[in-house]
C-alpha atoms as a PDB file:
ATOM      1  CA  UNK A   1       0.000   0.000   0.000  1.00  0.00           C
ATOM      2  CA  UNK A   2       1.419   3.385  -1.041  1.00  0.00           C
ATOM      3  CA  UNK A   3       1.162   6.090   1.621  1.00  0.00           C
ATOM      4  CA  UNK A   4      -0.774   9.260   0.819  1.00  0.00           C
ATOM      5  CA  UNK A   5       1.405  12.040  -0.596  1.00  0.00           C
ATOM      6  CA  UNK A   6       3.074  14.095   2.094  1.00  0.00           C
ATOM      7  CA  UNK A   7       3.663  17.804   1.595  1.00  0.00           C
ATOM      8  CA  UNK A   8       6.974  18.851   3.059  1.00  0.00           C
ATOM      9  CA  UNK A   9       8.465  22.320   3.160  1.00  0.00           C
ATOM     10  CA  UNK A  10      11.867  23.278   1.778  1.00  0.00           C
ATOM     11  CA  UNK A  11      13.318  23.271   5.305  1.00  0.00           C
ATOM     12  CA  UNK A  12      11.782  19.866   6.045  1.00  0.00           C
ATOM     13  CA  UNK A  13      13.236  18.517   2.796  1.00  0.00           C
ATOM     14  CA  UNK A  14      16.728  19.347   4.092  1.00  0.00           C
ATOM     15  CA  UNK A  15      16.070  17.236   7.189  1.00  0.00           C
ATOM     16  CA  UNK A  16      14.735  14.458   4.979  1.00  0.00           C
ATOM     17  CA  UNK A  17      17.861  14.688   2.835  1.00  0.00           C
ATOM     18  CA  UNK A  18      20.019  13.924   5.872  1.00  0.00           C
ATOM     19  CA  UNK A  19      17.916  10.818   6.576  1.00  0.00           C
ATOM     20  CA  UNK A  20      17.869   9.754   2.910  1.00  0.00           C
ATOM     21  CA  UNK A  21      21.661  10.058   2.629  1.00  0.00           C
ATOM     22  CA  UNK A  22      22.176   8.075   5.825  1.00  0.00           C
ATOM     23  CA  UNK A  23      19.976   5.211   4.616  1.00  0.00           C
ATOM     24  CA  UNK A  24      19.642   4.203   8.256  1.00  0.00           C
ATOM     25  CA  UNK A  25      17.902   5.345  11.400  1.00  0.00           C
ATOM     26  CA  UNK A  26      19.572   8.368  12.991  1.00  0.00           C
ATOM     27  CA  UNK A  27      19.370   9.874  16.435  1.00  0.00           C
ATOM     28  CA  UNK A  28      18.251  13.486  16.623  1.00  0.00           C
ATOM     29  CA  UNK A  29      21.825  14.379  17.600  1.00  0.00           C
ATOM     30  CA  UNK A  30      23.105  12.984  14.289  1.00  0.00           C
ATOM     31  CA  UNK A  31      20.571  14.972  12.279  1.00  0.00           C
ATOM     32  CA  UNK A  32      21.396  18.074  14.317  1.00  0.00           C
ATOM     33  CA  UNK A  33      25.137  17.600  13.776  1.00  0.00           C
ATOM     34  CA  UNK A  34      24.645  17.419  10.005  1.00  0.00           C
ATOM     35  CA  UNK A  35      22.345  20.426   9.771  1.00  0.00           C
ATOM     36  CA  UNK A  36      24.072  22.718  12.242  1.00  0.00           C
ATOM     37  CA  UNK A  37      27.130  22.530  10.001  1.00  0.00           C
ATOM     38  CA  UNK A  38      25.275  22.686   6.664  1.00  0.00           C
ATOM     39  CA  UNK A  39      22.520  25.186   7.524  1.00  0.00           C
ATOM     40  CA  UNK A  40      23.701  26.856  10.732  1.00  0.00           C
ATOM     41  CA  UNK A  41      20.304  26.143  12.274  1.00  0.00           C
ATOM     42  CA  UNK A  42      19.683  26.016  16.004  1.00  0.00           C
ATOM     43  CA  UNK A  43      19.084  22.640  17.669  1.00  0.00           C
ATOM     44  CA  UNK A  44      15.500  23.616  18.581  1.00  0.00           C
ATOM     45  CA  UNK A  45      14.698  24.395  14.929  1.00  0.00           C
ATOM     46  CA  UNK A  46      15.892  20.977  13.796  1.00  0.00           C
ATOM     47  CA  UNK A  47      13.949  19.194  16.534  1.00  0.00           C
ATOM     48  CA  UNK A  48      10.824  21.130  15.528  1.00  0.00           C
ATOM     49  CA  UNK A  49      11.298  20.071  11.903  1.00  0.00           C
ATOM     50  CA  UNK A  50      11.773  16.426  12.946  1.00  0.00           C
ATOM     51  CA  UNK A  51       8.552  16.581  14.989  1.00  0.00           C
ATOM     52  CA  UNK A  52       6.636  18.116  12.074  1.00  0.00           C
ATOM     53  CA  UNK A  53       7.869  15.370   9.764  1.00  0.00           C
ATOM     54  CA  UNK A  54       6.908  12.767  12.356  1.00  0.00           C
ATOM     55  CA  UNK A  55       3.363  14.177  12.610  1.00  0.00           C
ATOM     56  CA  UNK A  56       3.069  14.217   8.820  1.00  0.00           C
ATOM     57  CA  UNK A  57       4.162  10.575   8.617  1.00  0.00           C
ATOM     58  CA  UNK A  58       7.230  11.374   6.507  1.00  0.00           C
ATOM     59  CA  UNK A  59       9.491   9.914   9.203  1.00  0.00           C
ATOM     60  CA  UNK A  60       9.079   7.329  11.916  1.00  0.00           C
ATOM     61  CA  UNK A  61      10.703   7.239  15.328  1.00  0.00           C
ATOM     62  CA  UNK A  62      11.665   4.224  17.398  1.00  0.00           C
ATOM     63  CA  UNK A  63      12.806   4.288  20.989  1.00  0.00           C
ATOM     64  CA  UNK A  64      16.435   3.319  21.560  1.00  0.00           C
ATOM     65  CA  UNK A  65      17.119   3.523  25.266  1.00  0.00           C
ATOM     66  CA  UNK A  66      16.625   7.151  26.290  1.00  0.00           C
ATOM     67  CA  UNK A  67      16.611   8.522  22.757  1.00  0.00           C
ATOM     68  CA  UNK A  68      14.659   8.138  19.545  1.00  0.00           C
ATOM     69  CA  UNK A  69      15.984   7.020  16.191  1.00  0.00           C
ATOM     70  CA  UNK A  70      14.413   8.637  13.138  1.00  0.00           C
ATOM     71  CA  UNK A  71      13.955   6.927   9.774  1.00  0.00           C
ATOM     72  CA  UNK A  72      12.572   8.194   6.499  1.00  0.00           C
ATOM     73  CA  UNK A  73       9.182   6.716   5.638  1.00  0.00           C
ATOM     74  CA  UNK A  74       8.745   8.927   2.598  1.00  0.00           C
ATOM     75  CA  UNK A  75      11.020   7.617  -0.141  1.00  0.00           C
ATOM     76  CA  UNK A  76      13.189  10.160  -1.930  1.00  0.00           C
ATOM     77  CA  UNK A  77      12.180   8.993  -5.406  1.00  0.00           C
ATOM     78  CA  UNK A  78       8.474   9.346  -4.506  1.00  0.00           C
ATOM     79  CA  UNK A  79       9.065  12.884  -3.266  1.00  0.00           C
ATOM     80  CA  UNK A  80      11.198  13.883  -6.266  1.00  0.00           C
ATOM     81  CA  UNK A  81       8.620  12.476  -8.678  1.00  0.00           C
ATOM     82  CA  UNK A  82       5.786  14.364  -7.013  1.00  0.00           C
ATOM     83  CA  UNK A  83       7.721  17.620  -6.661  1.00  0.00           C
ATOM     84  CA  UNK A  84       9.092  17.574 -10.202  1.00  0.00           C
ATOM     85  CA  UNK A  85       5.700  16.670 -11.669  1.00  0.00           C
ATOM     86  CA  UNK A  86       4.069  19.523  -9.763  1.00  0.00           C
ATOM     87  CA  UNK A  87       6.717  21.980 -10.873  1.00  0.00           C
ATOM     88  CA  UNK A  88       6.440  20.824 -14.471  1.00  0.00           C
ATOM     89  CA  UNK A  89       2.642  21.197 -14.381  1.00  0.00           C
ATOM     90  CA  UNK A  90       2.731  24.639 -12.732  1.00  0.00           C
ATOM     91  CA  UNK A  91       5.449  26.193 -14.845  1.00  0.00           C
ATOM     92  CA  UNK A  92       5.389  24.390 -18.191  1.00  0.00           C
ATOM     93  CA  UNK A  93       1.909  22.913 -18.630  1.00  0.00           C
ATOM     94  CA  UNK A  94       3.216  19.442 -17.863  1.00  0.00           C
ATOM     95  CA  UNK A  95       5.555  19.460 -20.870  1.00  0.00           C
ATOM     96  CA  UNK A  96       9.262  18.673 -20.654  1.00  0.00           C
ATOM     97  CA  UNK A  97      10.399  20.340 -23.902  1.00  0.00           C
ATOM     98  CA  UNK A  98       9.625  23.901 -22.711  1.00  0.00           C
ATOM     99  CA  UNK A  99      11.516  23.168 -19.486  1.00  0.00           C
ATOM    100  CA  UNK A 100      14.621  22.109 -21.398  1.00  0.00           C
ATOM    101  CA  UNK A 101      14.225  25.073 -23.759  1.00  0.00           C
ATOM    102  CA  UNK A 102      14.048  27.403 -20.765  1.00  0.00           C
ATOM    103  CA  UNK A 103      17.304  26.086 -19.337  1.00  0.00           C
ATOM    104  CA  UNK A 104      18.951  26.216 -22.754  1.00  0.00           C
ATOM    105  CA  UNK A 105      17.823  29.786 -23.366  1.00  0.00           C
ATOM    106  CA  UNK A 106      19.202  30.936 -20.023  1.00  0.00           C
ATOM    107  CA  UNK A 107      22.494  29.093 -20.572  1.00  0.00           C
ATOM    108  CA  UNK A 108      21.933  26.701 -17.688  1.00  0.00           C
ATOM    109  CA  UNK A 109      22.855  23.622 -19.728  1.00  0.00           C
ATOM    110  CA  UNK A 110      26.501  22.610 -19.916  1.00  0.00           C
ATOM    111  CA  UNK A 111      27.970  20.672 -22.817  1.00  0.00           C
ATOM    112  CA  UNK A 112      27.841  17.511 -20.690  1.00  0.00           C
ATOM    113  CA  UNK A 113      24.152  18.196 -19.850  1.00  0.00           C
ATOM    114  CA  UNK A 114      23.383  18.452 -23.565  1.00  0.00           C
ATOM    115  CA  UNK A 115      25.296  15.246 -24.298  1.00  0.00           C
ATOM    116  CA  UNK A 116      23.382  13.433 -21.536  1.00  0.00           C
ATOM    117  CA  UNK A 117      20.060  14.707 -22.897  1.00  0.00           C
ATOM    118  CA  UNK A 118      20.951  13.540 -26.406  1.00  0.00           C
ATOM    119  CA  UNK A 119      21.897  10.107 -25.082  1.00  0.00           C
ATOM    120  CA  UNK A 120      18.676   9.881 -23.086  1.00  0.00           C
ATOM    121  CA  UNK A 121      16.594  10.822 -26.120  1.00  0.00           C
ATOM    122  CA  UNK A 122      18.379   8.192 -28.232  1.00  0.00           C
ATOM    123  CA  UNK A 123      17.735   5.553 -25.538  1.00  0.00           C
ATOM    124  CA  UNK A 124      14.078   6.540 -25.354  1.00  0.00           C
ATOM    125  CA  UNK A 125      13.770   6.379 -29.160  1.00  0.00           C
ATOM    126  CA  UNK A 126      15.418   2.929 -29.215  1.00  0.00           C
ATOM    127  CA  UNK A 127      12.974   1.691 -26.570  1.00  0.00           C
ATOM    128  CA  UNK A 128       9.927   2.306 -28.795  1.00  0.00           C
END
């Protein structure tokens, strides 16, 4: 059974990223250590974000002695798919070509990006 989509804020996504990268349950202290360095957030802010994610069902917590270990319930690929689909719908009418054209027009595509896109298109064409 697939869980209902969970809306997470940009700040919450940074907490989730720490859990996704770890690929294991982390104590709050571990999450705090990662984000204090990366984001310069206060400990209380990070604990608040963890609690919000817990209430939303994006993370789970299990008791480990006197502390809790947090694990991602929301899978990164599910979140990326939902977020990218929403962005594509909102900004480009659900079409990929205008998105790529936008990045090309504003010189946001490197030569290696263009080569990767060409390869992807060839692979998609071969798959038909």
